[in-house]
PDB file of N, CA and C in Angstrom:
ATOM      1  N   UNK A   1     -22.150  18.549  38.307  1.00  0.00           N
ATOM      2  CA  UNK A   1     -22.805  17.443  38.117  1.00  0.00           C
ATOM      3  C   UNK A   1     -22.502  17.580  36.191  1.00  0.00           C
ATOM      4  N   UNK A   2     -20.712  17.770  35.894  1.00  0.00           N
ATOM      5  CA  UNK A   2     -20.297  17.365  34.803  1.00  0.00           C
ATOM      6  C   UNK A   2     -19.729  16.105  35.313  1.00  0.00           C
ATOM      7  N   UNK A   3     -18.995  16.560  36.547  1.00  0.00           N
ATOM      8  CA  UNK A   3     -18.095  15.491  37.042  1.00  0.00           C
ATOM      9  C   UNK A   3     -19.760  14.187  36.983  1.00  0.00           C
ATOM     10  N   UNK A   4     -19.966  14.360  37.466  1.00  0.00           N
ATOM     11  CA  UNK A   4     -21.094  13.569  38.142  1.00  0.00           C
ATOM     12  C   UNK A   4     -21.563  12.885  36.938  1.00  0.00           C
ATOM     13  N   UNK A   5     -22.289  13.294  35.821  1.00  0.00           N
ATOM     14  CA  UNK A   5     -21.938  12.144  34.718  1.00  0.00           C
ATOM     15  C   UNK A   5     -21.052  12.147  34.247  1.00  0.00           C
ATOM     16  N   UNK A   6     -19.457  12.837  33.401  1.00  0.00           N
ATOM     17  CA  UNK A   6     -18.643  11.304  33.137  1.00  0.00           C
ATOM     18  C   UNK A   6     -18.545  10.497  34.084  1.00  0.00           C
ATOM     19  N   UNK A   7     -18.500  10.656  34.989  1.00  0.00           N
ATOM     20  CA  UNK A   7     -18.067   9.755  36.397  1.00  0.00           C
ATOM     21  C   UNK A   7     -18.714   8.126  36.252  1.00  0.00           C
ATOM     22  N   UNK A   8     -20.109   8.607  35.711  1.00  0.00           N
ATOM     23  CA  UNK A   8     -21.427   7.490  35.338  1.00  0.00           C
ATOM     24  C   UNK A   8     -20.621   7.530  34.588  1.00  0.00           C
ATOM     25  N   UNK A   9     -20.596   7.156  33.690  1.00  0.00           N
ATOM     26  CA  UNK A   9     -19.926   7.246  32.206  1.00  0.00           C
ATOM     27  C   UNK A   9     -19.152   5.983  32.026  1.00  0.00           C
ATOM     28  N   UNK A  10     -18.207   6.549  33.209  1.00  0.00           N
ATOM     29  CA  UNK A  10     -16.395   5.608  33.082  1.00  0.00           C
ATOM     30  C   UNK A  10     -16.068   6.097  32.829  1.00  0.00           C
ATOM     31  N   UNK A  11     -16.263   7.412  31.983  1.00  0.00           N
ATOM     32  CA  UNK A  11     -15.570   8.542  30.901  1.00  0.00           C
ATOM     33  C   UNK A  11     -15.135   9.507  32.208  1.00  0.00           C
ATOM     34  N   UNK A  12     -13.076   9.874  31.311  1.00  0.00           N
ATOM     35  CA  UNK A  12     -12.426  10.870  31.793  1.00  0.00           C
ATOM     36  C   UNK A  12     -12.647  12.135  31.818  1.00  0.00           C
ATOM     37  N   UNK A  13     -12.482  12.950  32.595  1.00  0.00           N
ATOM     38  CA  UNK A  13     -12.586  14.700  32.179  1.00  0.00           C
ATOM     39  C   UNK A  13     -11.405  15.406  32.257  1.00  0.00           C
ATOM     40  N   UNK A  14     -10.577  16.368  31.372  1.00  0.00           N
ATOM     41  CA  UNK A  14      -9.453  17.299  31.715  1.00  0.00           C
ATOM     42  C   UNK A  14      -9.813  18.803  31.857  1.00  0.00           C
ATOM     43  N   UNK A  15     -10.286  19.467  32.268  1.00  0.00           N
ATOM     44  CA  UNK A  15     -10.220  21.315  32.307  1.00  0.00           C
ATOM     45  C   UNK A  15      -9.050  21.810  31.815  1.00  0.00           C
ATOM     46  N   UNK A  16      -9.514  22.418  30.888  1.00  0.00           N
ATOM     47  CA  UNK A  16      -8.263  22.421  30.621  1.00  0.00           C
ATOM     48  C   UNK A  16      -8.966  24.949  30.355  1.00  0.00           C
ATOM     49  N   UNK A  17      -8.535  24.862  31.081  1.00  0.00           N
ATOM     50  CA  UNK A  17      -8.893  27.295  30.362  1.00  0.00           C
ATOM     51  C   UNK A  17      -8.385  27.797  29.598  1.00  0.00           C
ATOM     52  N   UNK A  18      -9.412  27.944  29.101  1.00  0.00           N
ATOM     53  CA  UNK A  18      -9.006  29.453  28.016  1.00  0.00           C
ATOM     54  C   UNK A  18      -9.717  30.910  28.303  1.00  0.00           C
ATOM     55  N   UNK A  19      -9.111  31.587  28.007  1.00  0.00           N
ATOM     56  CA  UNK A  19      -9.587  33.332  28.092  1.00  0.00           C
ATOM     57  C   UNK A  19     -11.046  33.360  26.630  1.00  0.00           C
ATOM     58  N   UNK A  20     -12.213  34.064  27.242  1.00  0.00           N
ATOM     59  CA  UNK A  20     -12.520  34.412  26.058  1.00  0.00           C
ATOM     60  C   UNK A  20     -12.094  34.861  24.284  1.00  0.00           C
ATOM     61  N   UNK A  21     -12.370  35.465  23.148  1.00  0.00           N
ATOM     62  CA  UNK A  21     -11.676  35.302  22.248  1.00  0.00           C
ATOM     63  C   UNK A  21      -9.915  35.192  21.872  1.00  0.00           C
ATOM     64  N   UNK A  22      -9.545  34.454  23.081  1.00  0.00           N
ATOM     65  CA  UNK A  22      -7.616  34.545  23.438  1.00  0.00           C
ATOM     66  C   UNK A  22      -7.378  33.026  22.056  1.00  0.00           C
ATOM     67  N   UNK A  23      -6.789  32.809  21.899  1.00  0.00           N
ATOM     68  CA  UNK A  23      -5.246  32.285  21.890  1.00  0.00           C
ATOM     69  C   UNK A  23      -5.414  31.146  23.034  1.00  0.00           C
ATOM     70  N   UNK A  24      -4.821  30.010  22.728  1.00  0.00           N
ATOM     71  CA  UNK A  24      -4.831  29.626  23.517  1.00  0.00           C
ATOM     72  C   UNK A  24      -2.787  29.434  24.559  1.00  0.00           C
ATOM     73  N   UNK A  25      -2.774  30.001  25.935  1.00  0.00           N
ATOM     74  CA  UNK A  25      -2.296  30.030  27.106  1.00  0.00           C
ATOM     75  C   UNK A  25      -1.527  29.044  27.260  1.00  0.00           C
ATOM     76  N   UNK A  26      -0.755  29.468  27.921  1.00  0.00           N
ATOM     77  CA  UNK A  26       0.705  28.655  28.742  1.00  0.00           C
ATOM     78  C   UNK A  26       0.965  27.708  29.127  1.00  0.00           C
ATOM     79  N   UNK A  27      -0.432  27.742  30.421  1.00  0.00           N
ATOM     80  CA  UNK A  27      -1.057  26.937  31.170  1.00  0.00           C
ATOM     81  C   UNK A  27      -1.810  25.879  30.165  1.00  0.00           C
ATOM     82  N   UNK A  28      -3.243  26.976  29.094  1.00  0.00           N
ATOM     83  CA  UNK A  28      -3.287  24.734  28.346  1.00  0.00           C
ATOM     84  C   UNK A  28      -2.470  24.626  27.053  1.00  0.00           C
ATOM     85  N   UNK A  29      -1.351  24.920  26.744  1.00  0.00           N
ATOM     86  CA  UNK A  29       0.446  24.230  26.635  1.00  0.00           C
ATOM     87  C   UNK A  29       0.492  23.338  27.200  1.00  0.00           C
ATOM     88  N   UNK A  30       1.337  23.789  28.281  1.00  0.00           N
ATOM     89  CA  UNK A  30       1.259  22.855  29.120  1.00  0.00           C
ATOM     90  C   UNK A  30       0.846  21.311  29.710  1.00  0.00           C
ATOM     91  N   UNK A  31      -0.841  21.720  29.491  1.00  0.00           N
ATOM     92  CA  UNK A  31      -1.113  20.749  29.738  1.00  0.00           C
ATOM     93  C   UNK A  31      -1.797  19.807  28.661  1.00  0.00           C
ATOM     94  N   UNK A  32      -1.875  20.096  27.601  1.00  0.00           N
ATOM     95  CA  UNK A  32      -1.966  19.890  26.137  1.00  0.00           C
ATOM     96  C   UNK A  32      -0.313  18.728  25.338  1.00  0.00           C
ATOM     97  N   UNK A  33       0.113  18.997  25.603  1.00  0.00           N
ATOM     98  CA  UNK A  33       1.746  18.777  25.960  1.00  0.00           C
ATOM     99  C   UNK A  33       0.905  17.270  26.859  1.00  0.00           C
ATOM    100  N   UNK A  34       0.862  17.078  27.480  1.00  0.00           N
ATOM    101  CA  UNK A  34       0.292  16.093  28.725  1.00  0.00           C
ATOM    102  C   UNK A  34       0.112  15.123  28.906  1.00  0.00           C
ATOM    103  N   UNK A  35      -1.234  15.680  27.572  1.00  0.00           N
ATOM    104  CA  UNK A  35      -2.428  14.215  27.597  1.00  0.00           C
ATOM    105  C   UNK A  35      -2.289  14.329  25.830  1.00  0.00           C
ATOM    106  N   UNK A  36      -1.069  14.628  25.424  1.00  0.00           N
ATOM    107  CA  UNK A  36      -0.888  14.831  23.904  1.00  0.00           C
ATOM    108  C   UNK A  36      -1.167  12.676  23.591  1.00  0.00           C
ATOM    109  N   UNK A  37       0.335  12.187  24.314  1.00  0.00           N
ATOM    110  CA  UNK A  37       0.427  10.880  24.221  1.00  0.00           C
ATOM    111  C   UNK A  37      -0.963  10.132  24.178  1.00  0.00           C
ATOM    112  N   UNK A  38      -1.602  10.544  25.128  1.00  0.00           N
ATOM    113  CA  UNK A  38      -2.869  10.157  25.690  1.00  0.00           C
ATOM    114  C   UNK A  38      -4.093  10.674  24.394  1.00  0.00           C
ATOM    115  N   UNK A  39      -4.379  11.208  23.686  1.00  0.00           N
ATOM    116  CA  UNK A  39      -4.715  11.520  22.429  1.00  0.00           C
ATOM    117  C   UNK A  39      -4.469  10.851  21.393  1.00  0.00           C
ATOM    118  N   UNK A  40      -3.246  10.443  21.328  1.00  0.00           N
ATOM    119  CA  UNK A  40      -2.743  10.001  20.140  1.00  0.00           C
ATOM    120  C   UNK A  40      -3.343   8.405  20.646  1.00  0.00           C
ATOM    121  N   UNK A  41      -3.489   7.568  21.533  1.00  0.00           N
ATOM    122  CA  UNK A  41      -3.724   6.472  21.659  1.00  0.00           C
ATOM    123  C   UNK A  41      -5.124   6.098  22.076  1.00  0.00           C
ATOM    124  N   UNK A  42      -6.738   7.156  21.886  1.00  0.00           N
ATOM    125  CA  UNK A  42      -7.798   7.143  21.559  1.00  0.00           C
ATOM    126  C   UNK A  42      -8.001   7.151  20.349  1.00  0.00           C
ATOM    127  N   UNK A  43      -6.532   8.103  19.449  1.00  0.00           N
ATOM    128  CA  UNK A  43      -7.871   8.126  17.831  1.00  0.00           C
ATOM    129  C   UNK A  43      -6.902   7.038  17.412  1.00  0.00           C
ATOM    130  N   UNK A  44      -5.189   6.340  18.065  1.00  0.00           N
ATOM    131  CA  UNK A  44      -5.213   5.074  17.475  1.00  0.00           C
ATOM    132  C   UNK A  44      -6.445   4.268  18.141  1.00  0.00           C
ATOM    133  N   UNK A  45      -6.796   3.606  18.811  1.00  0.00           N
ATOM    134  CA  UNK A  45      -8.033   2.796  18.935  1.00  0.00           C
ATOM    135  C   UNK A  45      -9.339   2.816  17.935  1.00  0.00           C
ATOM    136  N   UNK A  46      -8.949   4.285  17.625  1.00  0.00           N
ATOM    137  CA  UNK A  46     -10.885   4.188  16.442  1.00  0.00           C
ATOM    138  C   UNK A  46     -11.502   5.298  17.764  1.00  0.00           C
ATOM    139  N   UNK A  47     -11.748   5.155  18.688  1.00  0.00           N
ATOM    140  CA  UNK A  47     -12.198   6.345  20.010  1.00  0.00           C
ATOM    141  C   UNK A  47     -12.414   8.019  19.190  1.00  0.00           C
ATOM    142  N   UNK A  48     -12.776   8.365  19.983  1.00  0.00           N
ATOM    143  CA  UNK A  48     -12.915   9.625  20.073  1.00  0.00           C
ATOM    144  C   UNK A  48     -12.186  10.898  21.583  1.00  0.00           C
ATOM    145  N   UNK A  49     -12.376  12.272  20.737  1.00  0.00           N
ATOM    146  CA  UNK A  49     -12.250  12.702  21.818  1.00  0.00           C
ATOM    147  C   UNK A  49     -13.579  13.790  21.651  1.00  0.00           C
ATOM    148  N   UNK A  50     -13.803  14.273  23.491  1.00  0.00           N
ATOM    149  CA  UNK A  50     -15.085  15.501  23.074  1.00  0.00           C
ATOM    150  C   UNK A  50     -14.130  16.626  23.683  1.00  0.00           C
ATOM    151  N   UNK A  51     -14.501  17.605  23.222  1.00  0.00           N
ATOM    152  CA  UNK A  51     -14.491  18.963  23.404  1.00  0.00           C
ATOM    153  C   UNK A  51     -15.822  20.067  23.697  1.00  0.00           C
ATOM    154  N   UNK A  52     -15.756  20.436  25.317  1.00  0.00           N
ATOM    155  CA  UNK A  52     -16.517  21.213  25.062  1.00  0.00           C
ATOM    156  C   UNK A  52     -16.818  22.296  25.576  1.00  0.00           C
ATOM    157  N   UNK A  53     -17.929  23.564  25.280  1.00  0.00           N
ATOM    158  CA  UNK A  53     -17.423  25.136  25.586  1.00  0.00           C
ATOM    159  C   UNK A  53     -19.394  25.757  25.305  1.00  0.00           C
ATOM    160  N   UNK A  54     -19.811  26.272  26.493  1.00  0.00           N
ATOM    161  CA  UNK A  54     -20.767  28.143  26.006  1.00  0.00           C
ATOM    162  C   UNK A  54     -20.509  28.309  24.817  1.00  0.00           C
ATOM    163  N   UNK A  55     -20.921  27.774  23.681  1.00  0.00           N
ATOM    164  CA  UNK A  55     -20.237  28.852  22.669  1.00  0.00           C
ATOM    165  C   UNK A  55     -18.872  28.161  22.314  1.00  0.00           C
ATOM    166  N   UNK A  56     -18.037  28.843  22.710  1.00  0.00           N
ATOM    167  CA  UNK A  56     -16.629  29.777  22.186  1.00  0.00           C
ATOM    168  C   UNK A  56     -16.189  29.255  21.252  1.00  0.00           C
ATOM    169  N   UNK A  57     -16.861  29.134  20.206  1.00  0.00           N
ATOM    170  CA  UNK A  57     -16.724  28.441  18.407  1.00  0.00           C
ATOM    171  C   UNK A  57     -15.049  29.000  17.947  1.00  0.00           C
ATOM    172  N   UNK A  58     -14.685  30.397  18.993  1.00  0.00           N
ATOM    173  CA  UNK A  58     -12.849  30.076  18.335  1.00  0.00           C
ATOM    174  C   UNK A  58     -11.865  29.656  18.587  1.00  0.00           C
ATOM    175  N   UNK A  59     -12.105  29.201  20.124  1.00  0.00           N
ATOM    176  CA  UNK A  59     -12.093  27.986  21.092  1.00  0.00           C
ATOM    177  C   UNK A  59     -11.844  27.609  21.281  1.00  0.00           C
ATOM    178  N   UNK A  60     -12.745  26.469  20.704  1.00  0.00           N
ATOM    179  CA  UNK A  60     -13.021  25.157  20.653  1.00  0.00           C
ATOM    180  C   UNK A  60     -12.926  24.934  19.686  1.00  0.00           C
ATOM    181  N   UNK A  61     -12.945  25.399  18.396  1.00  0.00           N
ATOM    182  CA  UNK A  61     -12.280  25.255  17.010  1.00  0.00           C
ATOM    183  C   UNK A  61     -11.129  25.410  16.526  1.00  0.00           C
ATOM    184  N   UNK A  62     -10.020  26.315  17.348  1.00  0.00           N
ATOM    185  CA  UNK A  62      -8.401  26.427  17.927  1.00  0.00           C
ATOM    186  C   UNK A  62      -8.200  25.011  18.358  1.00  0.00           C
ATOM    187  N   UNK A  63      -9.136  24.133  19.954  1.00  0.00           N
ATOM    188  CA  UNK A  63      -8.662  23.087  20.148  1.00  0.00           C
ATOM    189  C   UNK A  63      -8.724  21.622  18.807  1.00  0.00           C
ATOM    190  N   UNK A  64      -9.450  21.624  17.808  1.00  0.00           N
ATOM    191  CA  UNK A  64     -10.090  21.103  17.014  1.00  0.00           C
ATOM    192  C   UNK A  64      -9.601  20.872  15.952  1.00  0.00           C
ATOM    193  N   UNK A  65      -9.004  21.961  15.827  1.00  0.00           N
ATOM    194  CA  UNK A  65      -7.610  22.264  14.554  1.00  0.00           C
ATOM    195  C   UNK A  65      -6.378  21.960  15.181  1.00  0.00           C
ATOM    196  N   UNK A  66      -6.474  22.504  15.522  1.00  0.00           N
ATOM    197  CA  UNK A  66      -4.703  20.770  16.623  1.00  0.00           C
ATOM    198  C   UNK A  66      -4.563  20.168  16.767  1.00  0.00           C
ATOM    199  N   UNK A  67      -5.916  19.469  16.978  1.00  0.00           N
ATOM    200  CA  UNK A  67      -6.274  17.094  17.022  1.00  0.00           C
ATOM    201  C   UNK A  67      -5.694  17.598  15.185  1.00  0.00           C
ATOM    202  N   UNK A  68      -7.019  18.810  14.451  1.00  0.00           N
ATOM    203  CA  UNK A  68      -5.758  18.314  13.086  1.00  0.00           C
ATOM    204  C   UNK A  68      -4.662  18.461  12.130  1.00  0.00           C
ATOM    205  N   UNK A  69      -4.430  19.225  12.588  1.00  0.00           N
ATOM    206  CA  UNK A  69      -2.869  19.457  13.143  1.00  0.00           C
ATOM    207  C   UNK A  69      -2.583  18.112  12.654  1.00  0.00           C
ATOM    208  N   UNK A  70      -1.931  18.325  14.589  1.00  0.00           N
ATOM    209  CA  UNK A  70      -1.409  16.882  14.895  1.00  0.00           C
ATOM    210  C   UNK A  70      -1.107  15.425  14.479  1.00  0.00           C
ATOM    211  N   UNK A  71      -2.433  16.146  13.644  1.00  0.00           N
ATOM    212  CA  UNK A  71      -2.646  14.567  12.775  1.00  0.00           C
ATOM    213  C   UNK A  71      -2.492  14.435  11.570  1.00  0.00           C
ATOM    214  N   UNK A  72      -1.890  15.892  11.039  1.00  0.00           N
ATOM    215  CA  UNK A  72      -0.642  15.464   9.751  1.00  0.00           C
ATOM    216  C   UNK A  72      -1.456  17.132   8.120  1.00  0.00           C
ATOM    217  N   UNK A  73      -2.731  17.552   9.075  1.00  0.00           N
ATOM    218  CA  UNK A  73      -3.819  18.105   8.090  1.00  0.00           C
ATOM    219  C   UNK A  73      -2.994  19.562   8.474  1.00  0.00           C
ATOM    220  N   UNK A  74      -2.693  20.753   6.918  1.00  0.00           N
ATOM    221  CA  UNK A  74      -2.206  22.162   6.995  1.00  0.00           C
ATOM    222  C   UNK A  74      -3.275  22.899   7.344  1.00  0.00           C
ATOM    223  N   UNK A  75      -2.824  23.586   8.415  1.00  0.00           N
ATOM    224  CA  UNK A  75      -3.873  24.686   8.797  1.00  0.00           C
ATOM    225  C   UNK A  75      -5.125  24.917   8.569  1.00  0.00           C
ATOM    226  N   UNK A  76      -4.500  25.786   6.636  1.00  0.00           N
ATOM    227  CA  UNK A  76      -6.140  25.914   6.049  1.00  0.00           C
ATOM    228  C   UNK A  76      -7.177  24.747   6.071  1.00  0.00           C
ATOM    229  N   UNK A  77      -6.465  23.965   5.615  1.00  0.00           N
ATOM    230  CA  UNK A  77      -7.799  22.549   5.150  1.00  0.00           C
ATOM    231  C   UNK A  77      -8.274  21.995   7.022  1.00  0.00           C
ATOM    232  N   UNK A  78      -7.288  22.227   8.003  1.00  0.00           N
ATOM    233  CA  UNK A  78      -8.790  21.754   8.383  1.00  0.00           C
ATOM    234  C   UNK A  78      -8.814  22.759   9.462  1.00  0.00           C
ATOM    235  N   UNK A  79      -9.371  24.175   8.548  1.00  0.00           N
ATOM    236  CA  UNK A  79      -9.827  24.899   9.179  1.00  0.00           C
ATOM    237  C   UNK A  79     -11.052  24.615   8.125  1.00  0.00           C
ATOM    238  N   UNK A  80     -11.416  24.231   7.249  1.00  0.00           N
ATOM    239  CA  UNK A  80     -12.211  24.148   6.384  1.00  0.00           C
ATOM    240  C   UNK A  80     -12.997  22.882   6.102  1.00  0.00           C
ATOM    241  N   UNK A  81     -12.043  22.085   6.660  1.00  0.00           N
ATOM    242  CA  UNK A  81     -13.093  20.653   7.329  1.00  0.00           C
ATOM    243  C   UNK A  81     -14.351  20.777   8.753  1.00  0.00           C
ATOM    244  N   UNK A  82     -13.032  21.682   9.454  1.00  0.00           N
ATOM    245  CA  UNK A  82     -14.252  21.720  10.119  1.00  0.00           C
ATOM    246  C   UNK A  82     -15.054  23.424  10.074  1.00  0.00           C
ATOM    247  N   UNK A  83     -15.534  24.079   8.810  1.00  0.00           N
ATOM    248  CA  UNK A  83     -16.470  25.392   8.874  1.00  0.00           C
ATOM    249  C   UNK A  83     -17.572  24.958   8.686  1.00  0.00           C
ATOM    250  N   UNK A  84     -16.527  23.663   7.688  1.00  0.00           N
ATOM    251  CA  UNK A  84     -18.240  23.003   7.432  1.00  0.00           C
ATOM    252  C   UNK A  84     -18.994  22.390   8.013  1.00  0.00           C
ATOM    253  N   UNK A  85     -18.914  21.367   9.277  1.00  0.00           N
ATOM    254  CA  UNK A  85     -20.046  21.696   9.744  1.00  0.00           C
ATOM    255  C   UNK A  85     -20.420  22.707  11.431  1.00  0.00           C
ATOM    256  N   UNK A  86     -19.434  23.109  11.072  1.00  0.00           N
ATOM    257  CA  UNK A  86     -19.914  24.679  12.603  1.00  0.00           C
ATOM    258  C   UNK A  86     -18.866  25.837  11.459  1.00  0.00           C
ATOM    259  N   UNK A  87     -19.717  26.803  10.865  1.00  0.00           N
ATOM    260  CA  UNK A  87     -18.862  27.541  10.077  1.00  0.00           C
ATOM    261  C   UNK A  87     -18.087  28.639  11.312  1.00  0.00           C
ATOM    262  N   UNK A  88     -18.560  29.148  12.016  1.00  0.00           N
ATOM    263  CA  UNK A  88     -18.027  30.202  13.178  1.00  0.00           C
ATOM    264  C   UNK A  88     -16.610  29.767  13.485  1.00  0.00           C
ATOM    265  N   UNK A  89     -15.832  29.329  12.990  1.00  0.00           N
ATOM    266  CA  UNK A  89     -15.224  27.463  13.712  1.00  0.00           C
ATOM    267  C   UNK A  89     -13.332  29.315  13.411  1.00  0.00           C
ATOM    268  N   UNK A  90     -12.724  29.203  14.956  1.00  0.00           N
ATOM    269  CA  UNK A  90     -12.241  30.499  14.104  1.00  0.00           C
ATOM    270  C   UNK A  90     -12.170  31.519  14.469  1.00  0.00           C
ATOM    271  N   UNK A  91     -12.391  31.808  15.207  1.00  0.00           N
ATOM    272  CA  UNK A  91     -13.661  33.470  15.231  1.00  0.00           C
ATOM    273  C   UNK A  91     -12.772  34.749  14.793  1.00  0.00           C
ATOM    274  N   UNK A  92     -11.194  35.046  15.311  1.00  0.00           N
ATOM    275  CA  UNK A  92      -9.972  36.058  14.685  1.00  0.00           C
ATOM    276  C   UNK A  92      -9.357  35.414  14.207  1.00  0.00           C
ATOM    277  N   UNK A  93      -8.632  37.044  13.359  1.00  0.00           N
ATOM    278  CA  UNK A  93      -7.912  36.277  13.283  1.00  0.00           C
ATOM    279  C   UNK A  93      -6.593  36.401  14.273  1.00  0.00           C
ATOM    280  N   UNK A  94      -6.979  36.694  15.180  1.00  0.00           N
ATOM    281  CA  UNK A  94      -5.987  36.078  16.194  1.00  0.00           C
ATOM    282  C   UNK A  94      -5.458  34.975  16.479  1.00  0.00           C
ATOM    283  N   UNK A  95      -6.616  34.182  16.567  1.00  0.00           N
ATOM    284  CA  UNK A  95      -6.605  32.539  16.647  1.00  0.00           C
ATOM    285  C   UNK A  95      -5.729  31.988  15.801  1.00  0.00           C
ATOM    286  N   UNK A  96      -6.669  32.273  14.863  1.00  0.00           N
ATOM    287  CA  UNK A  96      -6.052  31.452  12.906  1.00  0.00           C
ATOM    288  C   UNK A  96      -4.415  32.430  13.492  1.00  0.00           C
ATOM    289  N   UNK A  97      -3.811  33.282  13.125  1.00  0.00           N
ATOM    290  CA  UNK A  97      -2.236  33.126  13.497  1.00  0.00           C
ATOM    291  C   UNK A  97      -1.832  33.555  14.327  1.00  0.00           C
ATOM    292  N   UNK A  98      -2.358  32.588  15.424  1.00  0.00           N
ATOM    293  CA  UNK A  98      -1.572  31.874  16.097  1.00  0.00           C
ATOM    294  C   UNK A  98      -1.434  30.796  16.087  1.00  0.00           C
ATOM    295  N   UNK A  99      -2.666  29.499  15.697  1.00  0.00           N
ATOM    296  CA  UNK A  99      -2.807  28.369  14.707  1.00  0.00           C
ATOM    297  C   UNK A  99      -2.089  28.057  13.532  1.00  0.00           C
ATOM    298  N   UNK A 100      -1.674  29.368  13.151  1.00  0.00           N
ATOM    299  CA  UNK A 100      -0.584  28.753  11.754  1.00  0.00           C
ATOM    300  C   UNK A 100       1.128  29.042  12.304  1.00  0.00           C
ATOM    301  N   UNK A 101       0.993  29.265  13.222  1.00  0.00           N
ATOM    302  CA  UNK A 101       2.256  29.736  13.993  1.00  0.00           C
ATOM    303  C   UNK A 101       3.014  28.444  15.100  1.00  0.00           C
ATOM    304  N   UNK A 102       1.838  27.668  15.693  1.00  0.00           N
ATOM    305  CA  UNK A 102       1.432  26.218  16.389  1.00  0.00           C
ATOM    306  C   UNK A 102       2.347  25.755  15.401  1.00  0.00           C
ATOM    307  N   UNK A 103       1.254  25.640  13.976  1.00  0.00           N
ATOM    308  CA  UNK A 103       1.381  23.803  13.322  1.00  0.00           C
ATOM    309  C   UNK A 103       2.758  24.056  12.606  1.00  0.00           C
ATOM    310  N   UNK A 104       3.243  25.227  12.260  1.00  0.00           N
ATOM    311  CA  UNK A 104       4.610  25.539  11.567  1.00  0.00           C
ATOM    312  C   UNK A 104       6.013  24.769  12.609  1.00  0.00           C
ATOM    313  N   UNK A 105       5.349  25.640  13.696  1.00  0.00           N
ATOM    314  CA  UNK A 105       5.901  24.502  14.890  1.00  0.00           C
ATOM    315  C   UNK A 105       6.622  23.349  15.564  1.00  0.00           C
ATOM    316  N   UNK A 106       5.842  22.105  14.772  1.00  0.00           N
ATOM    317  CA  UNK A 106       5.836  20.904  15.044  1.00  0.00           C
ATOM    318  C   UNK A 106       7.169  21.010  13.962  1.00  0.00           C
TER     319      UNK A 106
END
């Protein structure tokens, strides 16, 4: 049903799996790097990227935080902005530490 809805709206959909309560793994990061130029063009045009997961507070929060970190925000600032809208964003220390390492690798 998701693919049908996406196609009907002329949207593009990419599936990047993340294990529950985990960090973003190698497969996810490989796809993320492949899509990063597309994300940049989308954001530069003023459009947006939708991210969904059934609950997935930590995983989706980590993805949203990565977008903000890539845009130049410090990790703590990105998390503070996201938690204003969804307090459970990045739900464990493992995810938080992973984001900190991600930010320092840029």
